[in-house]
Amino acid sequence: MTTAASTTRELLPHEAYVPGAHWRNAQDEAEAAKLGMWLFLGTEVLLFAGFFCAYAAFRLWYPDNWHDASRYYLNWKIGFANTVVLLLSSFTIVLAIRGAQTNRKWMTLWTLVITQACAAFFLIVKLGWEYAPKIAKGELPGANFSYDHAQGPYDHIFLSVYWISTATHGFHVFVGMVVIAWAMWKTLKDHYGPRHYTSLENIGLYWHLVDVIWIFLFPLLYLV
């Protein structure tokens, strides 16, 4: 005859999760974490708003040169490919959260792997197909610009806006890859499940913002 003690099992981390002592319950902790994330995302929006304001000002001052520089220096097909990849990654990270909510560990893990692969593809394309050739040709921002390839008097300004906005966005993609890797580790260790997945939701919110910012950068820079 089996005893009750022999039939019990050790609870998984997400099943045994207990909120911090300074919280009344897990719901209060989750809501506070989400509020903190939304406040952080608000500061991120303000950061990129400065780039968009600079873009708008220079676009109004030099409309013809801006249009020609976009066609001359940027390839919309590369930007479009990266757009598709980021949209896919937004979908897969939603599936990862859903997997945690429904206690499907491997669904969560593999959709995070796909999200990570999409992020890696984005950075490889950006660094290898765009940044490296531009650096080689001297298509750099501000005083570092080589006028041997200039097709207009304000190309260096266009490239300055391009570099600062896309490089800052690319850094955010890299940070996203770091936290997604952390989420993958936590998934393997059974830290996510129906009882606890707050940090995964916050990672998803951050990743959606990264994707939305690119949705604005792509048409503004590549399709003007």
Protein backbone atom coordinates (compact mmCIF):
# COMPACT_ATOMS: atom_id res chain seq x y z
CA MET A 1 0.00 0.00 0.00
CA THR A 2 1.33 3.43 -0.93
CA THR A 3 1.29 6.15 1.63
CA ALA A 4 0.16 9.74 1.10
CA ALA A 5 3.73 10.93 1.49
CA SER A 6 4.96 8.66 -1.29
CA THR A 7 2.35 9.83 -3.76
CA THR A 8 3.00 13.54 -3.27
CA ARG A 9 5.50 15.32 -5.48
CA GLU A 10 7.61 18.40 -5.04
CA LEU A 11 5.92 21.50 -6.37
CA LEU A 12 7.40 23.16 -9.43
CA PRO A 13 8.79 26.70 -8.90
CA HIS A 14 5.79 28.41 -10.52
CA GLU A 15 3.42 26.28 -8.43
CA ALA A 16 5.24 27.08 -5.21
CA TYR A 17 5.76 30.75 -6.01
CA VAL A 18 5.13 33.11 -3.09
CA PRO A 19 5.07 36.91 -3.59
CA GLY A 20 7.35 39.16 -1.61
CA ALA A 21 6.47 39.85 2.00
CA HIS A 22 5.71 43.50 1.21
CA TRP A 23 2.84 42.48 -1.12
CA ARG A 24 -0.61 41.48 0.06
CA ASN A 25 -0.90 38.84 -2.65
CA ALA A 26 0.46 37.77 -6.03
CA GLN A 27 -2.06 39.89 -7.92
CA ASP A 28 -0.85 43.09 -6.25
CA GLU A 29 2.73 42.16 -7.07
CA ALA A 30 1.90 41.46 -10.72
CA GLU A 31 -0.04 44.72 -11.12
CA ALA A 32 2.80 46.74 -9.61
CA ALA A 33 5.32 45.04 -11.91
CA LYS A 34 3.19 45.88 -14.95
CA LEU A 35 2.79 49.48 -13.82
CA GLY A 36 6.54 49.78 -13.43
CA MET A 37 7.05 48.35 -16.92
CA TRP A 38 4.53 50.75 -18.45
CA LEU A 39 6.32 53.68 -16.78
CA PHE A 40 9.62 52.46 -18.18
CA LEU A 41 8.13 52.07 -21.65
CA GLY A 42 6.85 55.64 -21.38
CA THR A 43 10.42 56.87 -20.97
CA GLU A 44 11.42 54.81 -24.00
CA VAL A 45 8.70 56.48 -26.05
CA LEU A 46 10.02 59.88 -24.98
CA LEU A 47 13.54 58.87 -26.05
CA PHE A 48 12.48 57.90 -29.55
CA ALA A 49 10.09 60.86 -29.77
CA GLY A 50 13.17 63.08 -29.82
CA PHE A 51 14.50 61.20 -32.83
CA PHE A 52 11.15 61.46 -34.60
CA CYS A 53 11.00 65.21 -33.93
CA ALA A 54 14.47 65.65 -35.41
CA TYR A 55 13.40 63.58 -38.40
CA ALA A 56 10.27 65.73 -38.92
CA ALA A 57 12.22 69.00 -38.72
CA PHE A 58 14.91 68.00 -41.20
CA ARG A 59 12.38 66.34 -43.47
CA LEU A 60 10.49 69.64 -43.71
CA TRP A 61 13.65 71.69 -44.25
CA TYR A 62 15.23 69.45 -46.90
CA PRO A 63 12.36 67.47 -48.48
CA ASP A 64 13.95 66.80 -51.87
CA ASN A 65 17.36 65.86 -50.52
CA TRP A 66 15.70 63.73 -47.83
CA HIS A 67 13.75 61.77 -50.44
CA ASP A 68 16.76 61.29 -52.70
CA ALA A 69 19.03 60.27 -49.81
CA SER A 70 16.58 57.60 -48.71
CA ARG A 71 16.50 56.11 -52.20
CA TYR A 72 20.27 56.37 -52.60
CA TYR A 73 21.52 55.00 -49.27
CA LEU A 74 18.81 52.60 -48.12
CA ASN A 75 17.34 49.43 -49.58
CA TRP A 76 13.64 49.09 -48.79
CA LYS A 77 13.77 45.33 -49.40
CA ILE A 78 16.18 44.88 -46.49
CA GLY A 79 13.99 47.05 -44.28
CA PHE A 80 10.89 45.14 -45.35
CA ALA A 81 12.50 41.78 -44.55
CA ASN A 82 13.38 42.99 -41.08
CA THR A 83 9.85 44.30 -40.64
CA VAL A 84 8.33 40.92 -41.47
CA VAL A 85 10.73 39.18 -39.07
CA LEU A 86 9.87 41.51 -36.19
CA LEU A 87 6.14 41.13 -36.78
CA LEU A 88 6.60 37.36 -36.63
CA SER A 89 8.56 37.72 -33.39
CA SER A 90 5.72 39.71 -31.81
CA PHE A 91 3.34 36.89 -32.64
CA THR A 92 5.64 34.19 -31.26
CA ILE A 93 6.24 35.97 -27.97
CA VAL A 94 2.47 36.22 -27.50
CA LEU A 95 2.32 32.46 -28.03
CA ALA A 96 5.06 32.05 -25.42
CA ILE A 97 2.99 33.93 -22.85
CA ARG A 98 -0.05 31.87 -23.77
CA GLY A 99 1.99 28.73 -23.29
CA ALA A 100 2.89 29.81 -19.76
CA GLN A 101 -0.73 30.66 -18.98
CA THR A 102 -1.90 27.22 -20.11
CA ASN A 103 1.00 25.32 -18.52
CA ARG A 104 2.55 24.23 -21.82
CA LYS A 105 6.25 24.48 -21.05
CA TRP A 106 7.59 23.37 -24.42
CA MET A 107 5.26 25.66 -26.33
CA THR A 108 6.63 28.54 -24.27
CA LEU A 109 10.23 27.47 -24.80
CA TRP A 110 10.08 26.88 -28.55
CA THR A 111 8.19 30.08 -29.30
CA LEU A 112 10.81 31.97 -27.28
CA VAL A 113 13.48 30.24 -29.37
CA ILE A 114 11.76 31.43 -32.55
CA THR A 115 11.50 34.95 -31.13
CA GLN A 116 15.20 34.87 -30.32
CA ALA A 117 16.03 33.63 -33.82
CA CYS A 118 14.02 36.46 -35.35
CA ALA A 119 15.88 39.00 -33.22
CA ALA A 120 19.21 37.50 -34.22
CA PHE A 121 18.21 37.60 -37.90
CA PHE A 122 17.27 41.27 -37.53
CA LEU A 123 20.64 42.21 -36.04
CA ILE A 124 22.64 40.11 -38.50
CA VAL A 125 20.89 41.78 -41.43
CA LYS A 126 21.31 45.22 -39.89
CA LEU A 127 24.99 44.78 -39.07
CA GLY A 128 26.05 42.71 -42.07
CA TRP A 129 23.94 44.05 -44.92
CA GLU A 130 23.55 47.67 -43.89
CA TYR A 131 26.04 48.92 -41.33
CA ALA A 132 29.18 47.16 -42.57
CA PRO A 133 28.86 48.33 -46.22
CA LYS A 134 28.02 51.86 -45.09
CA ILE A 135 31.06 52.01 -42.82
CA ALA A 136 33.25 50.74 -45.65
CA LYS A 137 31.95 53.45 -48.00
CA GLY A 138 32.17 56.26 -45.46
CA GLU A 139 28.40 56.67 -45.29
CA LEU A 140 28.61 57.77 -41.68
CA PRO A 141 26.87 60.46 -39.63
CA GLY A 142 27.94 64.08 -39.29
CA ALA A 143 31.60 64.99 -39.69
CA ASN A 144 32.56 61.36 -40.36
CA PHE A 145 30.67 61.35 -43.65
CA SER A 146 32.70 60.85 -46.84
CA TYR A 147 31.55 63.30 -49.49
CA ASP A 148 33.05 61.18 -52.26
CA HIS A 149 29.70 59.35 -52.51
CA ALA A 150 27.37 62.27 -51.80
CA GLN A 151 24.40 62.82 -54.04
CA GLY A 152 23.06 65.85 -52.16
CA PRO A 153 24.31 68.62 -49.81
CA TYR A 154 22.46 67.31 -46.75
CA ASP A 155 23.16 63.60 -47.00
CA HIS A 156 25.20 63.68 -43.80
CA ILE A 157 22.15 64.97 -41.90
CA PHE A 158 19.92 62.23 -43.23
CA LEU A 159 22.51 59.62 -42.31
CA SER A 160 22.90 61.16 -38.85
CA VAL A 161 19.19 60.66 -38.18
CA TYR A 162 19.35 57.18 -39.71
CA TRP A 163 22.32 56.05 -37.64
CA ILE A 164 21.23 57.41 -34.28
CA SER A 165 17.66 56.11 -34.56
CA THR A 166 18.41 52.68 -36.00
CA ALA A 167 21.48 52.07 -33.82
CA THR A 168 19.53 52.96 -30.69
CA HIS A 169 16.74 50.66 -31.83
CA GLY A 170 19.26 47.93 -32.59
CA PHE A 171 20.66 48.24 -29.07
CA HIS A 172 17.14 47.72 -27.74
CA VAL A 173 16.84 44.59 -29.89
CA PHE A 174 20.08 43.31 -28.35
CA VAL A 175 18.79 44.00 -24.84
CA GLY A 176 15.62 42.15 -25.81
CA MET A 177 17.69 39.14 -26.83
CA VAL A 178 19.38 39.13 -23.42
CA VAL A 179 16.10 39.16 -21.49
CA ILE A 180 14.53 36.61 -23.85
CA ALA A 181 17.48 34.30 -23.18
CA TRP A 182 16.84 34.80 -19.46
CA ALA A 183 13.17 33.92 -20.01
CA MET A 184 14.22 30.76 -21.86
CA TRP A 185 16.34 29.71 -18.87
CA LYS A 186 13.47 30.39 -16.47
CA THR A 187 11.17 28.37 -18.70
CA LEU A 188 13.54 25.40 -18.61
CA LYS A 189 13.64 25.68 -14.81
CA ASP A 190 9.81 25.67 -14.63
CA HIS A 191 9.55 29.19 -13.24
CA TYR A 192 6.68 30.02 -15.60
CA GLY A 193 3.23 28.53 -15.36
CA PRO A 194 -0.41 29.43 -14.72
CA ARG A 195 0.39 30.67 -11.20
CA HIS A 196 3.28 32.95 -12.16
CA TYR A 197 4.44 34.46 -15.48
CA THR A 198 4.65 38.20 -14.71
CA SER A 199 8.22 38.73 -15.88
CA LEU A 200 7.46 36.97 -19.17
CA GLU A 201 4.52 39.33 -19.74
CA ASN A 202 6.75 42.33 -19.09
CA ILE A 203 9.34 41.01 -21.53
CA GLY A 204 6.53 40.70 -24.07
CA LEU A 205 5.49 44.32 -23.48
CA TYR A 206 9.06 45.49 -23.99
CA TRP A 207 9.42 43.45 -27.18
CA HIS A 208 6.17 44.80 -28.60
CA LEU A 209 7.45 48.36 -28.09
CA VAL A 210 10.69 47.50 -29.89
CA ASP A 211 8.62 46.18 -32.79
CA VAL A 212 6.26 49.16 -32.87
CA ILE A 213 9.17 51.60 -32.99
CA TRP A 214 10.55 49.76 -36.01
CA ILE A 215 7.13 49.91 -37.67
CA PHE A 216 7.53 53.70 -37.58
CA LEU A 217 11.22 53.78 -38.53
CA PHE A 218 10.80 51.57 -41.58
CA PRO A 219 8.42 53.77 -43.60
CA LEU A 220 9.93 57.04 -42.38
CA LEU A 221 13.47 56.13 -43.39
CA TYR A 222 13.09 53.57 -46.17
CA LEU A 223 9.86 54.60 -47.93
CA VAL A 224 9.92 58.43 -47.85
